[in-house]
Amino acid sequence: MQIYFLYGADQFNLNKKFSSLSQELISEGADLHVYYADEISSINQIGGLTGGMNLFSSAQVIVVRNLLKSGSKEVLKNFEDLISLKNKEEMVSLILIESGEPDKRLRLYKSLIKHASSISFPALSPKEISNFIETQLAGNGIKVQSDVKVELNYLLSGFDTF
């Protein structure tokens, strides 16, 4: 099983990475299934993780959002066991997405850092937001006056850095 762990406060870049990763995995003929942790009462609800593959699909991409924040203790423990066992199911890719910074004291977090392909997307600094705005505008062929850039930066970061 391939395991990916995407987390952090920069939701724009996190979602951009998720989109490209999921498109890559789906283009290989996989089915995509998205779950929200607060809706999962048992790991058995997620087909494919515990051995139940769809007969008509060659592979599955399973996405679980906000597991560390919203998952029950039982579900967290089940995922921890699953990840530490390194499930041999090669036809399943698991993508765990956390909005914001996860609790680094959790055993599941430590297990994910050890066993998964982990990518952190920390919050951008005011200067990084300023550079991001300029890059996005220029990349889309949009020219704006500097006072508009200042206002955009303030709206996104709360800081005036231009």
N, C-alpha and C. Protein backbone atom coordinates (compact mmCIF):
# COMPACT_ATOMS: atom_id res chain seq x y z
N MET A 1 0.85 -1.17 0.00
CA MET A 1 0.00 0.00 0.00
C MET A 1 0.89 1.23 0.00
N GLN A 2 0.56 2.15 -0.88
CA GLN A 2 1.24 3.44 -0.90
C GLN A 2 0.48 4.36 0.06
N ILE A 3 1.22 5.06 0.92
CA ILE A 3 0.59 5.96 1.89
C ILE A 3 1.18 7.36 1.72
N TYR A 4 0.30 8.32 1.58
CA TYR A 4 0.70 9.72 1.46
C TYR A 4 0.03 10.49 2.59
N PHE A 5 0.80 11.40 3.19
CA PHE A 5 0.31 12.21 4.31
C PHE A 5 0.58 13.67 3.97
N LEU A 6 -0.48 14.42 3.67
CA LEU A 6 -0.37 15.83 3.32
C LEU A 6 -1.01 16.64 4.44
N TYR A 7 -0.29 17.62 4.97
CA TYR A 7 -0.82 18.38 6.09
C TYR A 7 -0.24 19.78 6.13
N GLY A 8 -0.97 20.69 6.78
CA GLY A 8 -0.46 22.02 7.00
C GLY A 8 -1.52 23.10 6.83
N ALA A 9 -1.12 24.32 7.13
CA ALA A 9 -2.02 25.46 7.10
C ALA A 9 -2.20 26.05 5.70
N ASP A 10 -1.25 25.81 4.81
CA ASP A 10 -1.32 26.34 3.45
C ASP A 10 -2.23 25.45 2.61
N GLN A 11 -3.53 25.69 2.72
CA GLN A 11 -4.52 24.84 2.04
C GLN A 11 -4.46 24.95 0.52
N PHE A 12 -4.07 26.10 0.00
CA PHE A 12 -4.00 26.25 -1.46
C PHE A 12 -2.98 25.27 -2.04
N ASN A 13 -1.75 25.32 -1.54
CA ASN A 13 -0.71 24.44 -2.08
C ASN A 13 -0.95 22.97 -1.71
N LEU A 14 -1.53 22.72 -0.54
CA LEU A 14 -1.87 21.35 -0.16
C LEU A 14 -2.89 20.76 -1.14
N ASN A 15 -3.95 21.52 -1.43
CA ASN A 15 -4.97 21.03 -2.35
C ASN A 15 -4.44 20.91 -3.78
N LYS A 16 -3.54 21.78 -4.14
CA LYS A 16 -2.90 21.69 -5.46
C LYS A 16 -2.10 20.39 -5.56
N LYS A 17 -1.34 20.07 -4.53
CA LYS A 17 -0.57 18.82 -4.51
C LYS A 17 -1.50 17.60 -4.50
N PHE A 18 -2.56 17.68 -3.69
CA PHE A 18 -3.53 16.58 -3.65
C PHE A 18 -4.14 16.35 -5.03
N SER A 19 -4.50 17.43 -5.69
CA SER A 19 -5.11 17.32 -7.01
C SER A 19 -4.18 16.63 -8.01
N SER A 20 -2.92 17.06 -8.03
CA SER A 20 -1.98 16.45 -8.97
C SER A 20 -1.69 14.99 -8.60
N LEU A 21 -1.56 14.70 -7.32
CA LEU A 21 -1.30 13.33 -6.87
C LEU A 21 -2.48 12.42 -7.19
N SER A 22 -3.69 12.88 -6.88
CA SER A 22 -4.86 12.04 -7.14
C SER A 22 -5.07 11.84 -8.64
N GLN A 23 -4.83 12.87 -9.44
CA GLN A 23 -4.96 12.71 -10.90
C GLN A 23 -3.94 11.70 -11.44
N GLU A 24 -2.75 11.75 -10.90
CA GLU A 24 -1.71 10.79 -11.30
C GLU A 24 -2.14 9.36 -10.96
N LEU A 25 -2.64 9.16 -9.77
CA LEU A 25 -3.05 7.82 -9.34
C LEU A 25 -4.30 7.34 -10.07
N ILE A 26 -5.22 8.25 -10.31
CA ILE A 26 -6.45 7.89 -11.02
C ILE A 26 -6.16 7.58 -12.48
N SER A 27 -5.20 8.28 -13.07
CA SER A 27 -4.87 8.04 -14.48
C SER A 27 -4.34 6.63 -14.69
N GLU A 28 -3.91 5.99 -13.63
CA GLU A 28 -3.45 4.62 -13.70
C GLU A 28 -4.62 3.64 -13.60
N GLY A 29 -5.84 4.15 -13.67
CA GLY A 29 -7.03 3.31 -13.68
C GLY A 29 -7.66 3.04 -12.32
N ALA A 30 -7.30 3.80 -11.32
CA ALA A 30 -7.81 3.57 -9.97
C ALA A 30 -9.14 4.29 -9.75
N ASP A 31 -9.95 3.76 -8.84
CA ASP A 31 -11.18 4.41 -8.39
C ASP A 31 -10.83 5.30 -7.20
N LEU A 32 -11.48 6.46 -7.10
CA LEU A 32 -11.24 7.41 -6.01
C LEU A 32 -12.40 7.37 -5.03
N HIS A 33 -12.08 7.23 -3.73
CA HIS A 33 -13.07 7.22 -2.66
C HIS A 33 -12.62 8.20 -1.59
N VAL A 34 -13.49 9.16 -1.25
CA VAL A 34 -13.14 10.19 -0.26
C VAL A 34 -14.00 10.00 0.99
N TYR A 35 -13.34 10.02 2.15
CA TYR A 35 -14.01 9.88 3.44
C TYR A 35 -13.60 11.03 4.34
N TYR A 36 -14.52 11.44 5.20
CA TYR A 36 -14.22 12.45 6.22
C TYR A 36 -14.19 11.73 7.56
N ALA A 37 -13.15 11.98 8.33
CA ALA A 37 -12.92 11.22 9.56
C ALA A 37 -14.09 11.26 10.53
N ASP A 38 -14.76 12.39 10.61
CA ASP A 38 -15.87 12.47 11.57
C ASP A 38 -17.08 11.65 11.15
N GLU A 39 -17.06 11.10 9.93
CA GLU A 39 -18.14 10.24 9.45
C GLU A 39 -17.79 8.75 9.53
N ILE A 40 -16.58 8.44 9.97
CA ILE A 40 -16.12 7.05 10.02
C ILE A 40 -16.20 6.55 11.46
N SER A 41 -17.00 5.53 11.68
CA SER A 41 -17.09 4.96 13.03
C SER A 41 -16.24 3.70 13.15
N SER A 42 -15.85 3.13 12.01
CA SER A 42 -15.02 1.92 12.01
C SER A 42 -14.19 1.89 10.73
N ILE A 43 -12.99 1.41 10.84
CA ILE A 43 -12.13 1.29 9.66
C ILE A 43 -12.72 0.33 8.64
N ASN A 44 -13.59 -0.56 9.09
CA ASN A 44 -14.24 -1.52 8.19
C ASN A 44 -15.19 -0.85 7.21
N GLN A 45 -15.57 0.41 7.46
CA GLN A 45 -16.43 1.15 6.54
C GLN A 45 -15.69 1.51 5.26
N ILE A 46 -14.38 1.44 5.30
CA ILE A 46 -13.58 1.85 4.15
C ILE A 46 -13.16 0.61 3.38
N GLY A 47 -13.86 0.34 2.30
CA GLY A 47 -13.56 -0.82 1.46
C GLY A 47 -12.16 -0.74 0.89
N GLY A 48 -11.47 -1.86 0.82
CA GLY A 48 -10.13 -1.91 0.25
C GLY A 48 -9.03 -1.85 1.29
N LEU A 49 -9.26 -1.16 2.39
CA LEU A 49 -8.21 -1.06 3.41
C LEU A 49 -8.05 -2.37 4.17
N THR A 50 -9.13 -3.06 4.34
CA THR A 50 -9.06 -4.30 5.11
C THR A 50 -9.22 -5.53 4.23
N GLY A 51 -8.94 -5.36 2.93
CA GLY A 51 -8.92 -6.50 2.03
C GLY A 51 -10.08 -6.60 1.08
N GLY A 52 -11.12 -5.81 1.22
CA GLY A 52 -12.28 -5.92 0.33
C GLY A 52 -12.14 -5.06 -0.90
N MET A 53 -11.61 -5.60 -1.99
CA MET A 53 -11.42 -4.85 -3.23
C MET A 53 -12.65 -4.96 -4.11
N ASN A 54 -12.90 -3.93 -4.89
CA ASN A 54 -13.96 -3.92 -5.89
C ASN A 54 -13.55 -4.84 -7.04
N LEU A 55 -14.42 -5.74 -7.45
CA LEU A 55 -14.09 -6.69 -8.51
C LEU A 55 -13.88 -6.01 -9.86
N PHE A 56 -14.46 -4.83 -10.07
CA PHE A 56 -14.40 -4.17 -11.36
C PHE A 56 -13.30 -3.12 -11.45
N SER A 57 -12.55 -2.94 -10.41
CA SER A 57 -11.50 -1.93 -10.38
C SER A 57 -10.14 -2.58 -10.23
N SER A 58 -9.17 -2.03 -10.95
CA SER A 58 -7.82 -2.58 -10.83
C SER A 58 -7.11 -2.02 -9.61
N ALA A 59 -7.50 -0.85 -9.15
CA ALA A 59 -6.84 -0.23 -8.00
C ALA A 59 -7.80 0.78 -7.35
N GLN A 60 -7.46 1.19 -6.12
CA GLN A 60 -8.26 2.16 -5.40
C GLN A 60 -7.37 3.23 -4.80
N VAL A 61 -7.88 4.46 -4.83
CA VAL A 61 -7.26 5.58 -4.13
C VAL A 61 -8.25 5.96 -3.04
N ILE A 62 -7.82 5.82 -1.80
CA ILE A 62 -8.68 6.13 -0.66
C ILE A 62 -8.15 7.38 0.02
N VAL A 63 -9.02 8.37 0.14
CA VAL A 63 -8.65 9.65 0.74
C VAL A 63 -9.41 9.79 2.05
N VAL A 64 -8.70 10.09 3.12
CA VAL A 64 -9.35 10.35 4.41
C VAL A 64 -8.91 11.74 4.86
N ARG A 65 -9.90 12.59 5.07
CA ARG A 65 -9.62 13.98 5.47
C ARG A 65 -9.78 14.16 6.97
N ASN A 66 -8.80 14.83 7.56
CA ASN A 66 -8.79 15.25 8.97
C ASN A 66 -8.94 14.09 9.96
N LEU A 67 -8.24 13.01 9.68
CA LEU A 67 -8.28 11.84 10.55
C LEU A 67 -7.72 12.15 11.94
N LEU A 68 -6.58 12.82 12.00
CA LEU A 68 -5.95 13.07 13.29
C LEU A 68 -6.77 14.04 14.15
N LYS A 69 -7.48 14.97 13.53
CA LYS A 69 -8.28 15.94 14.27
C LYS A 69 -9.65 15.39 14.66
N SER A 70 -10.26 14.63 13.76
CA SER A 70 -11.67 14.28 13.95
C SER A 70 -11.95 12.80 14.13
N GLY A 71 -10.95 11.96 13.96
CA GLY A 71 -11.18 10.52 14.09
C GLY A 71 -11.37 10.09 15.53
N SER A 72 -12.23 9.10 15.73
CA SER A 72 -12.43 8.56 17.08
C SER A 72 -11.16 7.82 17.52
N LYS A 73 -11.02 7.59 18.81
CA LYS A 73 -9.84 6.89 19.33
C LYS A 73 -9.71 5.51 18.71
N GLU A 74 -10.84 4.83 18.53
CA GLU A 74 -10.82 3.49 17.94
C GLU A 74 -10.32 3.53 16.49
N VAL A 75 -10.82 4.48 15.72
CA VAL A 75 -10.42 4.60 14.32
C VAL A 75 -8.94 4.99 14.22
N LEU A 76 -8.48 5.90 15.06
CA LEU A 76 -7.07 6.28 15.08
C LEU A 76 -6.19 5.06 15.36
N LYS A 77 -6.59 4.27 16.34
CA LYS A 77 -5.83 3.07 16.70
C LYS A 77 -5.82 2.07 15.54
N ASN A 78 -6.97 1.90 14.88
CA ASN A 78 -7.04 0.99 13.73
C ASN A 78 -6.12 1.43 12.60
N PHE A 79 -6.11 2.73 12.31
CA PHE A 79 -5.23 3.24 11.26
C PHE A 79 -3.77 3.09 11.66
N GLU A 80 -3.48 3.33 12.93
CA GLU A 80 -2.12 3.17 13.42
C GLU A 80 -1.64 1.73 13.21
N ASP A 81 -2.48 0.76 13.56
CA ASP A 81 -2.14 -0.65 13.37
C ASP A 81 -1.97 -0.98 11.89
N LEU A 82 -2.87 -0.47 11.06
CA LEU A 82 -2.82 -0.73 9.63
C LEU A 82 -1.52 -0.20 9.02
N ILE A 83 -1.16 1.01 9.39
CA ILE A 83 0.05 1.64 8.83
C ILE A 83 1.31 0.96 9.34
N SER A 84 1.35 0.61 10.62
CA SER A 84 2.55 -0.03 11.15
C SER A 84 2.73 -1.44 10.61
N LEU A 85 1.65 -2.10 10.20
CA LEU A 85 1.76 -3.43 9.61
C LEU A 85 2.23 -3.38 8.16
N LYS A 86 2.21 -2.18 7.60
CA LYS A 86 2.57 -2.01 6.19
C LYS A 86 1.77 -2.98 5.34
N ASN A 87 0.48 -2.78 5.34
CA ASN A 87 -0.45 -3.62 4.59
C ASN A 87 0.12 -3.93 3.20
N LYS A 88 0.10 -5.16 2.82
CA LYS A 88 0.70 -5.61 1.56
C LYS A 88 -0.20 -5.36 0.35
N GLU A 89 -1.37 -4.78 0.56
CA GLU A 89 -2.30 -4.54 -0.54
C GLU A 89 -1.70 -3.50 -1.48
N GLU A 90 -1.13 -3.96 -2.59
CA GLU A 90 -0.45 -3.08 -3.53
C GLU A 90 -1.40 -2.29 -4.41
N MET A 91 -2.65 -2.69 -4.47
CA MET A 91 -3.62 -2.05 -5.34
C MET A 91 -4.33 -0.88 -4.65
N VAL A 92 -3.88 -0.53 -3.46
CA VAL A 92 -4.52 0.55 -2.70
C VAL A 92 -3.51 1.65 -2.42
N SER A 93 -3.93 2.89 -2.71
CA SER A 93 -3.16 4.06 -2.31
C SER A 93 -4.00 4.81 -1.28
N LEU A 94 -3.40 5.14 -0.16
CA LEU A 94 -4.07 5.85 0.92
C LEU A 94 -3.50 7.25 1.02
N ILE A 95 -4.38 8.25 0.91
CA ILE A 95 -3.96 9.65 1.05
C ILE A 95 -4.67 10.22 2.28
N LEU A 96 -3.89 10.62 3.27
CA LEU A 96 -4.43 11.25 4.48
C LEU A 96 -4.15 12.74 4.39
N ILE A 97 -5.18 13.54 4.56
CA ILE A 97 -5.05 15.00 4.45
C ILE A 97 -5.51 15.63 5.76
N GLU A 98 -4.64 16.46 6.32
CA GLU A 98 -4.96 17.18 7.56
C GLU A 98 -4.91 18.68 7.28
N SER A 99 -6.00 19.37 7.60
CA SER A 99 -6.03 20.83 7.52
C SER A 99 -5.36 21.38 8.77
N GLY A 100 -4.37 22.22 8.59
CA GLY A 100 -3.66 22.77 9.74
C GLY A 100 -2.59 21.83 10.24
N GLU A 101 -2.00 22.19 11.34
CA GLU A 101 -0.94 21.38 11.93
C GLU A 101 -1.53 20.27 12.80
N PRO A 102 -1.15 19.04 12.53
CA PRO A 102 -1.65 17.93 13.36
C PRO A 102 -0.94 17.89 14.71
N ASP A 103 -1.54 17.19 15.65
CA ASP A 103 -0.94 17.02 16.97
C ASP A 103 0.23 16.04 16.83
N LYS A 104 1.43 16.54 16.98
CA LYS A 104 2.64 15.74 16.76
C LYS A 104 2.90 14.75 17.89
N ARG A 105 2.11 14.81 18.94
CA ARG A 105 2.28 13.86 20.05
C ARG A 105 1.55 12.55 19.79
N LEU A 106 0.62 12.54 18.82
CA LEU A 106 -0.15 11.34 18.53
C LEU A 106 0.73 10.24 17.95
N ARG A 107 0.47 9.02 18.36
CA ARG A 107 1.23 7.88 17.83
C ARG A 107 0.99 7.70 16.34
N LEU A 108 -0.23 7.98 15.89
CA LEU A 108 -0.53 7.86 14.47
C LEU A 108 0.29 8.86 13.66
N TYR A 109 0.44 10.09 14.15
CA TYR A 109 1.27 11.08 13.47
C TYR A 109 2.70 10.56 13.33
N LYS A 110 3.25 10.04 14.41
CA LYS A 110 4.62 9.53 14.38
C LYS A 110 4.75 8.36 13.42
N SER A 111 3.75 7.50 13.38
CA SER A 111 3.75 6.37 12.47
C SER A 111 3.68 6.84 11.01
N LEU A 112 2.87 7.86 10.76
CA LEU A 112 2.77 8.39 9.40
C LEU A 112 4.08 9.02 8.95
N ILE A 113 4.72 9.77 9.82
CA ILE A 113 5.99 10.39 9.47
C ILE A 113 7.02 9.31 9.14
N LYS A 114 6.96 8.20 9.83
CA LYS A 114 7.92 7.11 9.63
C LYS A 114 7.62 6.28 8.38
N HIS A 115 6.33 5.99 8.11
CA HIS A 115 5.98 5.03 7.06
C HIS A 115 5.39 5.63 5.80
N ALA A 116 4.95 6.89 5.84
CA ALA A 116 4.26 7.48 4.69
C ALA A 116 5.16 8.48 3.98
N SER A 117 4.79 8.78 2.74
CA SER A 117 5.40 9.91 2.04
C SER A 117 4.70 11.15 2.57
N SER A 118 5.40 11.89 3.43
CA SER A 118 4.79 13.02 4.13
C SER A 118 5.24 14.34 3.52
N ILE A 119 4.28 15.25 3.35
CA ILE A 119 4.60 16.58 2.85
C ILE A 119 3.86 17.60 3.72
N SER A 120 4.63 18.52 4.28
CA SER A 120 4.08 19.57 5.12
C SER A 120 3.89 20.85 4.31
N PHE A 121 2.78 21.52 4.53
CA PHE A 121 2.49 22.78 3.87
C PHE A 121 2.26 23.84 4.94
N PRO A 122 3.35 24.40 5.49
CA PRO A 122 3.21 25.39 6.57
C PRO A 122 2.59 26.69 6.05
N ALA A 123 2.06 27.47 6.96
CA ALA A 123 1.47 28.76 6.60
C ALA A 123 2.54 29.64 5.95
N LEU A 124 2.12 30.39 4.96
CA LEU A 124 3.05 31.29 4.29
C LEU A 124 3.28 32.54 5.13
N SER A 125 4.49 33.04 5.09
CA SER A 125 4.80 34.30 5.77
C SER A 125 4.18 35.43 4.96
N PRO A 126 4.06 36.61 5.56
CA PRO A 126 3.51 37.75 4.81
C PRO A 126 4.27 38.03 3.51
N LYS A 127 5.58 37.91 3.55
CA LYS A 127 6.38 38.15 2.33
C LYS A 127 6.12 37.06 1.29
N GLU A 128 5.97 35.81 1.74
CA GLU A 128 5.66 34.72 0.81
C GLU A 128 4.28 34.90 0.18
N ILE A 129 3.33 35.41 0.97
CA ILE A 129 2.00 35.70 0.43
C ILE A 129 2.10 36.81 -0.61
N SER A 130 2.89 37.82 -0.32
CA SER A 130 3.09 38.91 -1.26
C SER A 130 3.68 38.39 -2.57
N ASN A 131 4.70 37.55 -2.48
CA ASN A 131 5.32 36.96 -3.68
C ASN A 131 4.34 36.06 -4.42
N PHE A 132 3.53 35.31 -3.67
CA PHE A 132 2.54 34.42 -4.27
C PHE A 132 1.52 35.22 -5.08
N ILE A 133 1.05 36.32 -4.52
CA ILE A 133 0.07 37.17 -5.21
C ILE A 133 0.67 37.67 -6.52
N GLU A 134 1.88 38.19 -6.46
CA GLU A 134 2.53 38.71 -7.66
C GLU A 134 2.71 37.61 -8.70
N THR A 135 3.15 36.44 -8.29
CA THR A 135 3.36 35.33 -9.21
C THR A 135 2.06 34.88 -9.85
N GLN A 136 0.99 34.75 -9.06
CA GLN A 136 -0.30 34.31 -9.59
C GLN A 136 -0.88 35.33 -10.56
N LEU A 137 -0.76 36.60 -10.22
CA LEU A 137 -1.27 37.64 -11.12
C LEU A 137 -0.49 37.66 -12.43
N ALA A 138 0.83 37.64 -12.32
CA ALA A 138 1.67 37.67 -13.52
C ALA A 138 1.46 36.41 -14.37
N GLY A 139 1.34 35.27 -13.71
CA GLY A 139 1.13 34.01 -14.42
C GLY A 139 -0.17 33.97 -15.19
N ASN A 140 -1.15 34.74 -14.75
CA ASN A 140 -2.44 34.80 -15.42
C ASN A 140 -2.57 36.03 -16.32
N GLY A 141 -1.44 36.73 -16.51
CA GLY A 141 -1.43 37.89 -17.40
C GLY A 141 -2.23 39.07 -16.87
N ILE A 142 -2.35 39.18 -15.56
CA ILE A 142 -3.14 40.25 -14.96
C ILE A 142 -2.19 41.31 -14.41
N LYS A 143 -2.43 42.53 -14.84
CA LYS A 143 -1.64 43.65 -14.33
C LYS A 143 -2.54 44.49 -13.44
N VAL A 144 -2.08 44.74 -12.24
CA VAL A 144 -2.85 45.56 -11.31
C VAL A 144 -1.94 46.62 -10.70
N GLN A 145 -2.57 47.66 -10.25
CA GLN A 145 -1.81 48.73 -9.62
C GLN A 145 -1.32 48.26 -8.25
N SER A 146 -0.27 48.89 -7.77
CA SER A 146 0.33 48.46 -6.51
C SER A 146 -0.63 48.59 -5.33
N ASP A 147 -1.55 49.58 -5.35
CA ASP A 147 -2.49 49.70 -4.23
C ASP A 147 -3.47 48.51 -4.19
N VAL A 148 -3.77 47.91 -5.35
CA VAL A 148 -4.61 46.72 -5.39
C VAL A 148 -3.83 45.53 -4.82
N LYS A 149 -2.54 45.44 -5.15
CA LYS A 149 -1.70 44.37 -4.60
C LYS A 149 -1.62 44.48 -3.08
N VAL A 150 -1.49 45.70 -2.59
CA VAL A 150 -1.43 45.92 -1.14
C VAL A 150 -2.73 45.45 -0.49
N GLU A 151 -3.85 45.79 -1.11
CA GLU A 151 -5.15 45.40 -0.55
C GLU A 151 -5.32 43.88 -0.59
N LEU A 152 -4.95 43.25 -1.69
CA LEU A 152 -5.02 41.78 -1.77
C LEU A 152 -4.16 41.13 -0.70
N ASN A 153 -2.95 41.64 -0.54
CA ASN A 153 -2.05 41.09 0.47
C ASN A 153 -2.65 41.25 1.87
N TYR A 154 -3.22 42.40 2.12
CA TYR A 154 -3.82 42.64 3.43
C TYR A 154 -5.00 41.69 3.68
N LEU A 155 -5.82 41.49 2.65
CA LEU A 155 -6.97 40.60 2.78
C LEU A 155 -6.53 39.15 3.06
N LEU A 156 -5.44 38.72 2.43
CA LEU A 156 -4.98 37.34 2.60
C LEU A 156 -4.14 37.12 3.85
N SER A 157 -3.38 38.13 4.23
CA SER A 157 -2.46 37.90 5.35
C SER A 157 -2.70 38.80 6.55
N GLY A 158 -3.37 39.89 6.35
CA GLY A 158 -3.55 40.84 7.44
C GLY A 158 -2.36 41.78 7.59
N PHE A 159 -1.37 41.66 6.68
CA PHE A 159 -0.17 42.48 6.77
C PHE A 159 -0.03 43.31 5.50
N ASP A 160 0.56 44.48 5.64
CA ASP A 160 0.87 45.34 4.51
C ASP A 160 2.37 45.21 4.26
N THR A 161 2.75 44.42 3.24
CA THR A 161 4.19 44.17 3.03
C THR A 161 4.70 44.65 1.70
N PHE A 162 3.85 45.26 0.85
CA PHE A 162 4.35 45.74 -0.44
C PHE A 162 5.05 47.05 -0.28
